[in-house]
Amino acid sequence: MTATSKATTLWRGGLADGSGTTALGSKVATVSVDWKARSEGSADTTTPEELLAAAHASCYAMALSHELGGNDTPPEEVDVAVEVDFVPGEGVKESRLSVTAKVPGISDDEFQRIANAAKEGCPISQALAGVTITLTSATLA
């Protein structure tokens, strides 16, 4: 069975002076987007890369939970942070994952192996095959 996700963006104006809104198909959020936020960063306007970071964080959390469950060491909690770098004129350059997890009965070596396997197996990581993906830290809480 295929699950299809949808989103729409309405953009008005040129790249530098325009702006838009992106709506998730689930209708849980509509967010503003513009070039200035994308190229310079912003605390109050989202970017495609911030949305990509959210997608990568949630996907990796699910992939890690799945891998840990398959190891008979299901997590109590998985906390994932992702930073995505965008360079104007070049595109998305890197996605950095950081995870802290509460996992009873697992050694740090085993957790590191599984955390890296989840990074490789995460469907969003696979979709970003042309981008450097780094697991900057994997910590047991």
N, C-alpha and C. Protein backbone atom coordinates (compact mmCIF):
# COMPACT_ATOMS: atom_id res chain seq x y z
N MET A 1 0.83 -1.18 0.00
CA MET A 1 0.00 0.00 0.00
C MET A 1 0.88 1.25 0.00
N THR A 2 0.58 2.18 -0.86
CA THR A 2 1.32 3.44 -0.94
C THR A 2 0.61 4.51 -0.14
N ALA A 3 1.34 5.22 0.69
CA ALA A 3 0.81 6.38 1.40
C ALA A 3 1.37 7.62 0.71
N THR A 4 0.50 8.50 0.27
CA THR A 4 0.92 9.71 -0.43
C THR A 4 0.72 10.91 0.48
N SER A 5 1.77 11.69 0.67
CA SER A 5 1.70 12.91 1.46
C SER A 5 1.63 14.09 0.51
N LYS A 6 0.93 15.13 0.93
CA LYS A 6 0.74 16.29 0.06
C LYS A 6 1.04 17.58 0.80
N ALA A 7 1.44 18.56 0.05
CA ALA A 7 1.61 19.92 0.55
C ALA A 7 1.44 20.85 -0.65
N THR A 8 1.07 22.08 -0.37
CA THR A 8 0.94 23.08 -1.43
C THR A 8 1.65 24.36 -1.00
N THR A 9 2.13 25.12 -1.98
CA THR A 9 2.69 26.43 -1.71
C THR A 9 2.10 27.42 -2.70
N LEU A 10 1.64 28.55 -2.18
CA LEU A 10 1.19 29.67 -2.99
C LEU A 10 2.24 30.76 -2.84
N TRP A 11 2.88 31.13 -3.94
CA TRP A 11 3.96 32.11 -3.95
C TRP A 11 3.51 33.32 -4.75
N ARG A 12 3.81 34.51 -4.25
CA ARG A 12 3.49 35.75 -4.96
C ARG A 12 4.75 36.59 -5.07
N GLY A 13 5.06 37.02 -6.31
CA GLY A 13 6.20 37.90 -6.55
C GLY A 13 7.42 37.14 -7.02
N GLY A 14 8.50 37.89 -7.19
CA GLY A 14 9.76 37.31 -7.61
C GLY A 14 10.46 36.62 -6.44
N LEU A 15 11.62 36.05 -6.74
CA LEU A 15 12.33 35.32 -5.69
C LEU A 15 12.73 36.23 -4.53
N ALA A 16 13.42 37.33 -4.81
CA ALA A 16 13.96 38.17 -3.75
C ALA A 16 12.89 38.99 -3.03
N ASP A 17 11.85 39.42 -3.75
CA ASP A 17 10.85 40.28 -3.13
C ASP A 17 9.53 39.57 -2.86
N GLY A 18 9.43 38.33 -3.22
CA GLY A 18 8.19 37.60 -3.05
C GLY A 18 8.12 36.87 -1.73
N SER A 19 6.97 36.25 -1.52
CA SER A 19 6.77 35.43 -0.33
C SER A 19 5.61 34.50 -0.60
N GLY A 20 5.46 33.54 0.30
CA GLY A 20 4.38 32.59 0.10
C GLY A 20 3.98 31.91 1.39
N THR A 21 3.04 30.99 1.22
CA THR A 21 2.61 30.15 2.33
C THR A 21 2.62 28.71 1.85
N THR A 22 3.07 27.84 2.72
CA THR A 22 3.07 26.41 2.45
C THR A 22 2.09 25.77 3.42
N ALA A 23 1.20 24.96 2.87
CA ALA A 23 0.19 24.28 3.68
C ALA A 23 0.41 22.77 3.59
N LEU A 24 0.39 22.13 4.73
CA LEU A 24 0.48 20.67 4.75
C LEU A 24 -0.87 20.10 4.37
N GLY A 25 -0.85 19.03 3.62
CA GLY A 25 -2.08 18.40 3.18
C GLY A 25 -2.95 17.92 4.33
N SER A 26 -2.33 17.61 5.46
CA SER A 26 -3.08 17.17 6.64
C SER A 26 -3.83 18.31 7.30
N LYS A 27 -3.55 19.52 6.86
CA LYS A 27 -4.16 20.75 7.39
C LYS A 27 -3.76 21.06 8.83
N VAL A 28 -2.71 20.43 9.33
CA VAL A 28 -2.28 20.72 10.70
C VAL A 28 -1.41 21.98 10.77
N ALA A 29 -0.91 22.46 9.62
CA ALA A 29 -0.08 23.65 9.65
C ALA A 29 -0.06 24.34 8.28
N THR A 30 -0.06 25.66 8.35
CA THR A 30 0.21 26.52 7.20
C THR A 30 1.29 27.48 7.67
N VAL A 31 2.38 27.58 6.93
CA VAL A 31 3.52 28.38 7.36
C VAL A 31 3.96 29.33 6.26
N SER A 32 4.52 30.45 6.67
CA SER A 32 5.04 31.45 5.73
C SER A 32 6.43 31.04 5.27
N VAL A 33 6.74 31.35 4.01
CA VAL A 33 8.07 31.10 3.45
C VAL A 33 8.49 32.31 2.63
N ASP A 34 9.79 32.60 2.64
CA ASP A 34 10.33 33.64 1.76
C ASP A 34 11.82 33.42 1.57
N TRP A 35 12.38 34.08 0.55
CA TRP A 35 13.78 33.89 0.20
C TRP A 35 14.72 34.41 1.28
N LYS A 36 14.41 35.56 1.87
CA LYS A 36 15.30 36.12 2.89
C LYS A 36 15.48 35.13 4.04
N ALA A 37 14.40 34.54 4.51
CA ALA A 37 14.52 33.54 5.59
C ALA A 37 15.34 32.36 5.12
N ARG A 38 15.12 31.94 3.88
CA ARG A 38 15.83 30.77 3.37
C ARG A 38 17.32 31.02 3.23
N SER A 39 17.70 32.19 2.75
CA SER A 39 19.11 32.45 2.49
C SER A 39 19.86 33.02 3.68
N GLU A 40 19.13 33.64 4.63
CA GLU A 40 19.80 34.27 5.76
C GLU A 40 19.42 33.66 7.10
N GLY A 41 18.34 32.90 7.13
CA GLY A 41 17.83 32.35 8.39
C GLY A 41 16.81 33.28 9.00
N SER A 42 15.92 32.72 9.81
CA SER A 42 14.87 33.52 10.44
C SER A 42 14.31 32.74 11.61
N ALA A 43 13.89 33.47 12.65
CA ALA A 43 13.28 32.84 13.80
C ALA A 43 11.76 32.73 13.68
N ASP A 44 11.18 33.43 12.68
CA ASP A 44 9.72 33.45 12.61
C ASP A 44 9.15 33.09 11.24
N THR A 45 9.98 32.70 10.30
CA THR A 45 9.53 32.25 8.98
C THR A 45 10.23 30.95 8.66
N THR A 46 9.48 29.95 8.23
CA THR A 46 10.11 28.65 7.97
C THR A 46 10.77 28.65 6.59
N THR A 47 11.48 27.58 6.32
CA THR A 47 12.15 27.39 5.04
C THR A 47 11.94 25.95 4.58
N PRO A 48 12.14 25.68 3.30
CA PRO A 48 12.08 24.28 2.87
C PRO A 48 13.06 23.40 3.65
N GLU A 49 14.20 23.95 4.01
CA GLU A 49 15.20 23.16 4.74
C GLU A 49 14.77 22.88 6.17
N GLU A 50 14.05 23.81 6.79
CA GLU A 50 13.52 23.54 8.13
C GLU A 50 12.47 22.43 8.05
N LEU A 51 11.64 22.46 7.03
CA LEU A 51 10.65 21.40 6.84
C LEU A 51 11.36 20.07 6.56
N LEU A 52 12.45 20.12 5.81
CA LEU A 52 13.24 18.92 5.54
C LEU A 52 13.85 18.39 6.84
N ALA A 53 14.35 19.29 7.68
CA ALA A 53 14.91 18.88 8.98
C ALA A 53 13.85 18.20 9.83
N ALA A 54 12.63 18.73 9.83
CA ALA A 54 11.54 18.12 10.58
C ALA A 54 11.21 16.74 10.04
N ALA A 55 11.19 16.62 8.72
CA ALA A 55 10.92 15.31 8.11
C ALA A 55 12.02 14.32 8.46
N HIS A 56 13.28 14.76 8.41
CA HIS A 56 14.39 13.86 8.70
C HIS A 56 14.37 13.45 10.18
N ALA A 57 14.09 14.40 11.07
CA ALA A 57 14.06 14.09 12.50
C ALA A 57 12.98 13.06 12.83
N SER A 58 11.79 13.26 12.29
CA SER A 58 10.70 12.32 12.60
C SER A 58 10.93 10.96 11.96
N CYS A 59 11.45 10.95 10.75
CA CYS A 59 11.74 9.68 10.07
C CYS A 59 12.83 8.91 10.81
N TYR A 60 13.90 9.60 11.20
CA TYR A 60 14.99 8.93 11.89
C TYR A 60 14.53 8.39 13.24
N ALA A 61 13.71 9.16 13.97
CA ALA A 61 13.19 8.68 15.26
C ALA A 61 12.42 7.38 15.08
N MET A 62 11.60 7.31 14.03
CA MET A 62 10.84 6.09 13.77
C MET A 62 11.75 4.95 13.34
N ALA A 63 12.74 5.24 12.48
CA ALA A 63 13.66 4.20 12.01
C ALA A 63 14.48 3.64 13.18
N LEU A 64 14.95 4.51 14.06
CA LEU A 64 15.73 4.06 15.21
C LEU A 64 14.86 3.23 16.16
N SER A 65 13.65 3.68 16.41
CA SER A 65 12.74 2.92 17.26
C SER A 65 12.49 1.53 16.68
N HIS A 66 12.32 1.47 15.37
CA HIS A 66 12.10 0.18 14.69
C HIS A 66 13.33 -0.73 14.83
N GLU A 67 14.50 -0.18 14.57
CA GLU A 67 15.74 -0.97 14.67
C GLU A 67 15.96 -1.47 16.11
N LEU A 68 15.72 -0.61 17.09
CA LEU A 68 15.89 -1.01 18.48
C LEU A 68 14.88 -2.09 18.87
N GLY A 69 13.65 -1.97 18.41
CA GLY A 69 12.64 -2.99 18.67
C GLY A 69 13.02 -4.33 18.06
N GLY A 70 13.58 -4.29 16.85
CA GLY A 70 14.02 -5.52 16.19
C GLY A 70 15.19 -6.17 16.89
N ASN A 71 15.87 -5.41 17.73
CA ASN A 71 16.99 -5.91 18.52
C ASN A 71 16.53 -6.39 19.90
N ASP A 72 15.22 -6.41 20.12
CA ASP A 72 14.63 -6.74 21.43
C ASP A 72 15.07 -5.79 22.53
N THR A 73 15.36 -4.54 22.15
CA THR A 73 15.69 -3.49 23.11
C THR A 73 14.88 -2.24 22.74
N PRO A 74 13.54 -2.32 22.84
CA PRO A 74 12.73 -1.16 22.45
C PRO A 74 13.04 0.05 23.32
N PRO A 75 13.02 1.23 22.73
CA PRO A 75 13.34 2.44 23.50
C PRO A 75 12.16 2.89 24.36
N GLU A 76 12.49 3.51 25.47
CA GLU A 76 11.47 4.21 26.24
C GLU A 76 11.22 5.58 25.62
N GLU A 77 12.30 6.18 25.08
CA GLU A 77 12.20 7.53 24.53
C GLU A 77 13.34 7.76 23.55
N VAL A 78 13.03 8.44 22.45
CA VAL A 78 14.02 8.82 21.45
C VAL A 78 13.84 10.31 21.18
N ASP A 79 14.90 11.08 21.37
CA ASP A 79 14.86 12.54 21.16
C ASP A 79 15.87 12.88 20.06
N VAL A 80 15.37 13.32 18.91
CA VAL A 80 16.21 13.56 17.74
C VAL A 80 16.20 15.05 17.38
N ALA A 81 17.36 15.59 17.11
CA ALA A 81 17.49 16.94 16.58
C ALA A 81 18.22 16.85 15.24
N VAL A 82 17.77 17.65 14.27
CA VAL A 82 18.40 17.65 12.95
C VAL A 82 18.66 19.10 12.52
N GLU A 83 19.84 19.32 11.96
CA GLU A 83 20.20 20.60 11.36
C GLU A 83 20.49 20.36 9.89
N VAL A 84 19.86 21.14 9.02
CA VAL A 84 20.06 21.02 7.58
C VAL A 84 20.71 22.31 7.09
N ASP A 85 21.82 22.19 6.37
CA ASP A 85 22.53 23.34 5.81
C ASP A 85 22.14 23.59 4.36
N PHE A 86 21.82 24.85 4.05
CA PHE A 86 21.49 25.29 2.70
C PHE A 86 22.46 26.40 2.31
N VAL A 87 23.06 26.29 1.14
CA VAL A 87 23.95 27.31 0.61
C VAL A 87 23.29 27.88 -0.65
N PRO A 88 22.92 29.18 -0.64
CA PRO A 88 22.30 29.76 -1.84
C PRO A 88 23.17 29.54 -3.07
N GLY A 89 22.53 29.13 -4.13
CA GLY A 89 23.23 28.86 -5.38
C GLY A 89 23.81 27.46 -5.48
N GLU A 90 23.88 26.76 -4.37
CA GLU A 90 24.43 25.40 -4.36
C GLU A 90 23.42 24.36 -3.89
N GLY A 91 22.56 24.72 -2.95
CA GLY A 91 21.52 23.81 -2.48
C GLY A 91 21.78 23.27 -1.10
N VAL A 92 21.08 22.19 -0.78
CA VAL A 92 21.21 21.53 0.51
C VAL A 92 22.54 20.78 0.51
N LYS A 93 23.36 21.05 1.52
CA LYS A 93 24.70 20.47 1.57
C LYS A 93 24.84 19.36 2.61
N GLU A 94 24.14 19.48 3.74
CA GLU A 94 24.34 18.49 4.80
C GLU A 94 23.13 18.43 5.71
N SER A 95 22.89 17.24 6.25
CA SER A 95 21.90 17.03 7.30
C SER A 95 22.61 16.34 8.45
N ARG A 96 22.58 16.99 9.62
CA ARG A 96 23.27 16.45 10.80
C ARG A 96 22.23 15.99 11.83
N LEU A 97 22.32 14.73 12.20
CA LEU A 97 21.42 14.12 13.17
C LEU A 97 22.11 14.03 14.53
N SER A 98 21.34 14.25 15.57
CA SER A 98 21.83 14.05 16.93
C SER A 98 20.70 13.38 17.70
N VAL A 99 21.01 12.35 18.45
CA VAL A 99 19.97 11.61 19.15
C VAL A 99 20.39 11.29 20.58
N THR A 100 19.44 11.40 21.47
CA THR A 100 19.57 10.92 22.83
C THR A 100 18.40 9.99 23.06
N ALA A 101 18.67 8.82 23.61
CA ALA A 101 17.60 7.84 23.79
C ALA A 101 17.72 7.12 25.12
N LYS A 102 16.56 6.77 25.66
CA LYS A 102 16.49 5.92 26.85
C LYS A 102 16.17 4.52 26.34
N VAL A 103 17.15 3.63 26.49
CA VAL A 103 17.01 2.27 25.97
C VAL A 103 17.52 1.30 27.03
N PRO A 104 16.62 0.71 27.80
CA PRO A 104 17.06 -0.24 28.83
C PRO A 104 17.71 -1.47 28.20
N GLY A 105 18.76 -1.96 28.87
CA GLY A 105 19.36 -3.23 28.49
C GLY A 105 20.22 -3.23 27.24
N ILE A 106 20.77 -2.08 26.85
CA ILE A 106 21.61 -2.03 25.66
C ILE A 106 22.96 -1.43 26.01
N SER A 107 24.01 -1.95 25.40
CA SER A 107 25.35 -1.38 25.60
C SER A 107 25.52 -0.19 24.67
N ASP A 108 26.48 0.66 25.00
CA ASP A 108 26.73 1.82 24.15
C ASP A 108 27.20 1.38 22.76
N ASP A 109 28.06 0.36 22.69
CA ASP A 109 28.54 -0.12 21.38
C ASP A 109 27.39 -0.60 20.51
N GLU A 110 26.48 -1.35 21.11
CA GLU A 110 25.32 -1.86 20.38
C GLU A 110 24.41 -0.71 19.94
N PHE A 111 24.23 0.27 20.82
CA PHE A 111 23.41 1.44 20.48
C PHE A 111 24.02 2.21 19.32
N GLN A 112 25.33 2.40 19.33
CA GLN A 112 26.00 3.13 18.24
C GLN A 112 25.79 2.40 16.91
N ARG A 113 25.94 1.08 16.93
CA ARG A 113 25.75 0.29 15.70
C ARG A 113 24.33 0.45 15.18
N ILE A 114 23.37 0.35 16.07
CA ILE A 114 21.97 0.44 15.66
C ILE A 114 21.61 1.86 15.23
N ALA A 115 22.15 2.86 15.92
CA ALA A 115 21.89 4.26 15.55
C ALA A 115 22.39 4.54 14.13
N ASN A 116 23.56 4.02 13.80
CA ASN A 116 24.10 4.21 12.45
C ASN A 116 23.30 3.43 11.41
N ALA A 117 22.86 2.23 11.76
CA ALA A 117 22.04 1.44 10.84
C ALA A 117 20.72 2.16 10.56
N ALA A 118 20.14 2.77 11.58
CA ALA A 118 18.89 3.52 11.40
C ALA A 118 19.11 4.73 10.50
N LYS A 119 20.27 5.37 10.62
CA LYS A 119 20.60 6.51 9.76
C LYS A 119 20.59 6.07 8.30
N GLU A 120 21.18 4.92 8.03
CA GLU A 120 21.23 4.41 6.65
C GLU A 120 19.87 3.92 6.16
N GLY A 121 19.07 3.36 7.07
CA GLY A 121 17.79 2.77 6.68
C GLY A 121 16.63 3.74 6.64
N CYS A 122 16.78 4.90 7.22
CA CYS A 122 15.72 5.90 7.25
C CYS A 122 15.35 6.31 5.82
N PRO A 123 14.07 6.22 5.43
CA PRO A 123 13.69 6.58 4.07
C PRO A 123 14.03 8.03 3.67
N ILE A 124 13.99 8.96 4.62
CA ILE A 124 14.37 10.33 4.28
C ILE A 124 15.88 10.41 4.05
N SER A 125 16.67 9.68 4.84
CA SER A 125 18.12 9.62 4.57
C SER A 125 18.36 9.08 3.16
N GLN A 126 17.63 8.06 2.78
CA GLN A 126 17.79 7.48 1.44
C GLN A 126 17.37 8.47 0.36
N ALA A 127 16.33 9.26 0.62
CA ALA A 127 15.90 10.27 -0.35
C ALA A 127 16.93 11.38 -0.50
N LEU A 128 17.74 11.57 0.54
CA LEU A 128 18.79 12.60 0.52
C LEU A 128 20.15 12.02 0.12
N ALA A 129 20.15 11.02 -0.71
CA ALA A 129 21.38 10.30 -1.05
C ALA A 129 22.48 11.21 -1.59
N GLY A 130 22.15 12.32 -2.19
CA GLY A 130 23.16 13.23 -2.72
C GLY A 130 23.68 14.23 -1.71
N VAL A 131 23.25 14.10 -0.45
CA VAL A 131 23.62 15.06 0.60
C VAL A 131 24.43 14.33 1.66
N THR A 132 25.41 15.00 2.25
CA THR A 132 26.15 14.42 3.36
C THR A 132 25.23 14.30 4.57
N ILE A 133 25.14 13.10 5.12
CA ILE A 133 24.33 12.88 6.32
C ILE A 133 25.27 12.38 7.41
N THR A 134 25.29 13.12 8.51
CA THR A 134 26.20 12.83 9.61
C THR A 134 25.42 12.57 10.88
N LEU A 135 25.76 11.52 11.58
CA LEU A 135 25.24 11.29 12.93
C LEU A 135 26.26 11.90 13.87
N THR A 136 26.00 13.14 14.32
CA THR A 136 27.00 13.86 15.10
C THR A 136 27.11 13.36 16.53
N SER A 137 26.00 12.86 17.07
CA SER A 137 26.06 12.25 18.40
C SER A 137 24.90 11.30 18.58
N ALA A 138 25.19 10.20 19.27
CA ALA A 138 24.19 9.22 19.65
C ALA A 138 24.49 8.88 21.11
N THR A 139 23.61 9.34 21.97
CA THR A 139 23.86 9.27 23.41
C THR A 139 22.75 8.50 24.10
N LEU A 140 23.13 7.62 25.00
CA LEU A 140 22.16 6.95 25.84
C LEU A 140 21.91 7.83 27.07
N ALA A 141 20.64 8.03 27.40
CA ALA A 141 20.29 8.86 28.55
C ALA A 141 20.28 8.02 29.81
